[in-house]
Amino acid sequence: MTICMTCGRETDKYAVLNCPNKECQAKIIRCAPCRANENKYVCASCAFSGP
């Protein structure tokens, strides 16, 4: 199980994405429902936020 960075739920269905900020090397983990609903996220490393 992995924890979604958007909602904090444990999930088996998730995606790991690179932070859109080109200067940041962090990975963003989002569960399927948060991605489908386009819930807002914030990168823990650089504070980039996006849908």
PDB file of N, CA and C in Angstrom:
ATOM      1  N   MET A   1       0.845  -1.194   0.000  1.00  0.00           N
ATOM      2  CA  MET A   1       0.000   0.000   0.000  1.00  0.00           C
ATOM      3  C   MET A   1       0.887   1.253   0.000  1.00  0.00           C
ATOM      4  N   THR A   2       0.401   2.238  -0.702  1.00  0.00           N
ATOM      5  CA  THR A   2       1.091   3.516  -0.816  1.00  0.00           C
ATOM      6  C   THR A   2       0.137   4.616  -0.384  1.00  0.00           C
ATOM      7  N   ILE A   3       0.681   5.712   0.111  1.00  0.00           N
ATOM      8  CA  ILE A   3      -0.150   6.822   0.579  1.00  0.00           C
ATOM      9  C   ILE A   3      -0.202   7.909  -0.488  1.00  0.00           C
ATOM     10  N   CYS A   4      -1.418   8.332  -0.806  1.00  0.00           N
ATOM     11  CA  CYS A   4      -1.646   9.407  -1.771  1.00  0.00           C
ATOM     12  C   CYS A   4      -1.212  10.736  -1.158  1.00  0.00           C
ATOM     13  N   MET A   5      -0.460  11.532  -1.927  1.00  0.00           N
ATOM     14  CA  MET A   5      -0.004  12.834  -1.430  1.00  0.00           C
ATOM     15  C   MET A   5      -1.122  13.863  -1.396  1.00  0.00           C
ATOM     16  N   THR A   6      -2.199  13.614  -2.122  1.00  0.00           N
ATOM     17  CA  THR A   6      -3.302  14.566  -2.172  1.00  0.00           C
ATOM     18  C   THR A   6      -4.262  14.380  -1.008  1.00  0.00           C
ATOM     19  N   CYS A   7      -4.730  13.144  -0.799  1.00  0.00           N
ATOM     20  CA  CYS A   7      -5.767  12.909   0.208  1.00  0.00           C
ATOM     21  C   CYS A   7      -5.267  12.168   1.453  1.00  0.00           C
ATOM     22  N   GLY A   8      -4.097  11.555   1.375  1.00  0.00           N
ATOM     23  CA  GLY A   8      -3.533  10.861   2.522  1.00  0.00           C
ATOM     24  C   GLY A   8      -4.033   9.435   2.730  1.00  0.00           C
ATOM     25  N   ARG A   9      -4.875   8.939   1.813  1.00  0.00           N
ATOM     26  CA  ARG A   9      -5.388   7.572   1.932  1.00  0.00           C
ATOM     27  C   ARG A   9      -4.349   6.562   1.469  1.00  0.00           C
ATOM     28  N   GLU A  10      -4.389   5.366   2.068  1.00  0.00           N
ATOM     29  CA  GLU A  10      -3.589   4.259   1.569  1.00  0.00           C
ATOM     30  C   GLU A  10      -4.302   3.677   0.358  1.00  0.00           C
ATOM     31  N   THR A  11      -3.545   3.318  -0.685  1.00  0.00           N
ATOM     32  CA  THR A  11      -4.155   2.837  -1.913  1.00  0.00           C
ATOM     33  C   THR A  11      -3.250   1.860  -2.640  1.00  0.00           C
ATOM     34  N   ASP A  12      -3.874   0.991  -3.426  1.00  0.00           N
ATOM     35  CA  ASP A  12      -3.143   0.099  -4.320  1.00  0.00           C
ATOM     36  C   ASP A  12      -3.166   0.637  -5.746  1.00  0.00           C
ATOM     37  N   LYS A  13      -4.096   1.539  -6.024  1.00  0.00           N
ATOM     38  CA  LYS A  13      -4.255   2.100  -7.367  1.00  0.00           C
ATOM     39  C   LYS A  13      -3.769   3.545  -7.352  1.00  0.00           C
ATOM     40  N   TYR A  14      -2.561   3.747  -7.865  1.00  0.00           N
ATOM     41  CA  TYR A  14      -1.963   5.078  -7.813  1.00  0.00           C
ATOM     42  C   TYR A  14      -1.038   5.277  -9.010  1.00  0.00           C
ATOM     43  N   ALA A  15      -0.635   6.511  -9.211  1.00  0.00           N
ATOM     44  CA  ALA A  15       0.331   6.868 -10.246  1.00  0.00           C
ATOM     45  C   ALA A  15       1.471   7.639  -9.593  1.00  0.00           C
ATOM     46  N   VAL A  16       2.670   7.396 -10.076  1.00  0.00           N
ATOM     47  CA  VAL A  16       3.844   8.127  -9.624  1.00  0.00           C
ATOM     48  C   VAL A  16       4.274   9.030 -10.773  1.00  0.00           C
ATOM     49  N   LEU A  17       4.280  10.327 -10.504  1.00  0.00           N
ATOM     50  CA  LEU A  17       4.603  11.311 -11.535  1.00  0.00           C
ATOM     51  C   LEU A  17       5.802  12.147 -11.111  1.00  0.00           C
ATOM     52  N   ASN A  18       6.559  12.625 -12.065  1.00  0.00           N
ATOM     53  CA  ASN A  18       7.618  13.579 -11.769  1.00  0.00           C
ATOM     54  C   ASN A  18       6.981  14.930 -11.494  1.00  0.00           C
ATOM     55  N   CYS A  19       7.563  15.678 -10.575  1.00  0.00           N
ATOM     56  CA  CYS A  19       7.067  17.029 -10.303  1.00  0.00           C
ATOM     57  C   CYS A  19       7.184  17.849 -11.588  1.00  0.00           C
ATOM     58  N   PRO A  20       6.139  18.603 -11.955  1.00  0.00           N
ATOM     59  CA  PRO A  20       6.187  19.424 -13.172  1.00  0.00           C
ATOM     60  C   PRO A  20       7.228  20.545 -13.136  1.00  0.00           C
ATOM     61  N   ASN A  21       7.668  20.931 -11.942  1.00  0.00           N
ATOM     62  CA  ASN A  21       8.712  21.948 -11.809  1.00  0.00           C
ATOM     63  C   ASN A  21      10.027  21.333 -12.283  1.00  0.00           C
ATOM     64  N   LYS A  22      10.578  21.828 -13.376  1.00  0.00           N
ATOM     65  CA  LYS A  22      11.776  21.239 -13.973  1.00  0.00           C
ATOM     66  C   LYS A  22      12.998  21.304 -13.068  1.00  0.00           C
ATOM     67  N   GLU A  23      12.997  22.184 -12.087  1.00  0.00           N
ATOM     68  CA  GLU A  23      14.116  22.294 -11.159  1.00  0.00           C
ATOM     69  C   GLU A  23      13.996  21.320  -9.993  1.00  0.00           C
ATOM     70  N   CYS A  24      12.891  20.638  -9.878  1.00  0.00           N
ATOM     71  CA  CYS A  24      12.626  19.724  -8.767  1.00  0.00           C
ATOM     72  C   CYS A  24      12.709  18.278  -9.270  1.00  0.00           C
ATOM     73  N   GLN A  25      13.280  17.404  -8.478  1.00  0.00           N
ATOM     74  CA  GLN A  25      13.433  15.997  -8.858  1.00  0.00           C
ATOM     75  C   GLN A  25      12.480  15.089  -8.076  1.00  0.00           C
ATOM     76  N   ALA A  26      11.537  15.660  -7.351  1.00  0.00           N
ATOM     77  CA  ALA A  26      10.630  14.882  -6.495  1.00  0.00           C
ATOM     78  C   ALA A  26       9.624  14.087  -7.317  1.00  0.00           C
ATOM     79  N   LYS A  27       9.097  13.045  -6.715  1.00  0.00           N
ATOM     80  CA  LYS A  27       8.030  12.230  -7.297  1.00  0.00           C
ATOM     81  C   LYS A  27       6.734  12.566  -6.577  1.00  0.00           C
ATOM     82  N   ILE A  28       5.643  12.616  -7.328  1.00  0.00           N
ATOM     83  CA  ILE A  28       4.328  12.905  -6.771  1.00  0.00           C
ATOM     84  C   ILE A  28       3.492  11.641  -6.906  1.00  0.00           C
ATOM     85  N   ILE A  29       2.917  11.183  -5.801  1.00  0.00           N
ATOM     86  CA  ILE A  29       2.107   9.973  -5.781  1.00  0.00           C
ATOM     87  C   ILE A  29       0.656  10.372  -5.566  1.00  0.00           C
ATOM     88  N   ARG A  30      -0.211   9.966  -6.524  1.00  0.00           N
ATOM     89  CA  ARG A  30      -1.621  10.321  -6.444  1.00  0.00           C
ATOM     90  C   ARG A  30      -2.467   9.085  -6.688  1.00  0.00           C
ATOM     91  N   CYS A  31      -3.537   8.938  -5.902  1.00  0.00           N
ATOM     92  CA  CYS A  31      -4.431   7.796  -6.077  1.00  0.00           C
ATOM     93  C   CYS A  31      -5.351   8.027  -7.278  1.00  0.00           C
ATOM     94  N   ALA A  32      -5.941   6.945  -7.765  1.00  0.00           N
ATOM     95  CA  ALA A  32      -6.814   7.015  -8.935  1.00  0.00           C
ATOM     96  C   ALA A  32      -7.996   7.973  -8.742  1.00  0.00           C
ATOM     97  N   PRO A  33      -8.695   7.938  -7.595  1.00  0.00           N
ATOM     98  CA  PRO A  33      -9.820   8.873  -7.426  1.00  0.00           C
ATOM     99  C   PRO A  33      -9.385  10.350  -7.441  1.00  0.00           C
ATOM    100  N   CYS A  34      -8.256  10.669  -6.830  1.00  0.00           N
ATOM    101  CA  CYS A  34      -7.793  12.060  -6.828  1.00  0.00           C
ATOM    102  C   CYS A  34      -7.417  12.510  -8.234  1.00  0.00           C
ATOM    103  N   ARG A  35      -6.818  11.622  -9.013  1.00  0.00           N
ATOM    104  CA  ARG A  35      -6.495  11.966 -10.396  1.00  0.00           C
ATOM    105  C   ARG A  35      -7.758  12.136 -11.215  1.00  0.00           C
ATOM    106  N   ALA A  36      -8.723  11.237 -11.052  1.00  0.00           N
ATOM    107  CA  ALA A  36      -9.971  11.313 -11.826  1.00  0.00           C
ATOM    108  C   ALA A  36     -10.759  12.577 -11.495  1.00  0.00           C
ATOM    109  N   ASN A  37     -10.739  12.980 -10.232  1.00  0.00           N
ATOM    110  CA  ASN A  37     -11.478  14.174  -9.796  1.00  0.00           C
ATOM    111  C   ASN A  37     -10.660  15.454  -9.944  1.00  0.00           C
ATOM    112  N   GLU A  38      -9.405  15.328 -10.410  1.00  0.00           N
ATOM    113  CA  GLU A  38      -8.495  16.456 -10.570  1.00  0.00           C
ATOM    114  C   GLU A  38      -8.325  17.244  -9.277  1.00  0.00           C
ATOM    115  N   ASN A  39      -8.199  16.523  -8.159  1.00  0.00           N
ATOM    116  CA  ASN A  39      -7.974  17.167  -6.875  1.00  0.00           C
ATOM    117  C   ASN A  39      -6.603  17.840  -6.864  1.00  0.00           C
ATOM    118  N   LYS A  40      -6.523  18.960  -6.204  1.00  0.00           N
ATOM    119  CA  LYS A  40      -5.299  19.742  -6.140  1.00  0.00           C
ATOM    120  C   LYS A  40      -4.233  19.002  -5.329  1.00  0.00           C
ATOM    121  N   TYR A  41      -2.966  19.146  -5.735  1.00  0.00           N
ATOM    122  CA  TYR A  41      -1.850  18.556  -5.000  1.00  0.00           C
ATOM    123  C   TYR A  41      -0.768  19.605  -4.816  1.00  0.00           C
ATOM    124  N   VAL A  42       0.118  19.366  -3.847  1.00  0.00           N
ATOM    125  CA  VAL A  42       1.243  20.247  -3.602  1.00  0.00           C
ATOM    126  C   VAL A  42       2.495  19.370  -3.453  1.00  0.00           C
ATOM    127  N   CYS A  43       3.557  19.685  -4.199  1.00  0.00           N
ATOM    128  CA  CYS A  43       4.796  18.951  -4.097  1.00  0.00           C
ATOM    129  C   CYS A  43       5.430  19.249  -2.734  1.00  0.00           C
ATOM    130  N   ALA A  44       5.780  18.198  -2.007  1.00  0.00           N
ATOM    131  CA  ALA A  44       6.366  18.366  -0.675  1.00  0.00           C
ATOM    132  C   ALA A  44       7.762  18.956  -0.731  1.00  0.00           C
ATOM    133  N   SER A  45       8.421  18.844  -1.871  1.00  0.00           N
ATOM    134  CA  SER A  45       9.792  19.312  -1.998  1.00  0.00           C
ATOM    135  C   SER A  45       9.902  20.790  -2.386  1.00  0.00           C
ATOM    136  N   CYS A  46       9.107  21.218  -3.382  1.00  0.00           N
ATOM    137  CA  CYS A  46       9.250  22.585  -3.890  1.00  0.00           C
ATOM    138  C   CYS A  46       7.995  23.441  -3.759  1.00  0.00           C
ATOM    139  N   ALA A  47       6.910  22.867  -3.275  1.00  0.00           N
ATOM    140  CA  ALA A  47       5.630  23.549  -3.060  1.00  0.00           C
ATOM    141  C   ALA A  47       4.906  23.894  -4.365  1.00  0.00           C
ATOM    142  N   PHE A  48       5.295  23.272  -5.483  1.00  0.00           N
ATOM    143  CA  PHE A  48       4.543  23.434  -6.728  1.00  0.00           C
ATOM    144  C   PHE A  48       3.160  22.856  -6.513  1.00  0.00           C
ATOM    145  N   SER A  49       2.108  23.517  -6.999  1.00  0.00           N
ATOM    146  CA  SER A  49       0.760  22.984  -6.854  1.00  0.00           C
ATOM    147  C   SER A  49       0.097  22.896  -8.222  1.00  0.00           C
ATOM    148  N   GLY A  50      -0.760  21.914  -8.347  1.00  0.00           N
ATOM    149  CA  GLY A  50      -1.431  21.738  -9.628  1.00  0.00           C
ATOM    150  C   GLY A  50      -2.640  20.828  -9.489  1.00  0.00           C
ATOM    151  N   PRO A  51      -3.396  20.736 -10.557  1.00  0.00           N
ATOM    152  CA  PRO A  51      -4.572  19.862 -10.562  1.00  0.00           C
ATOM    153  C   PRO A  51      -4.227  18.434 -10.977  1.00  0.00           C
TER     154      PRO A  51
END
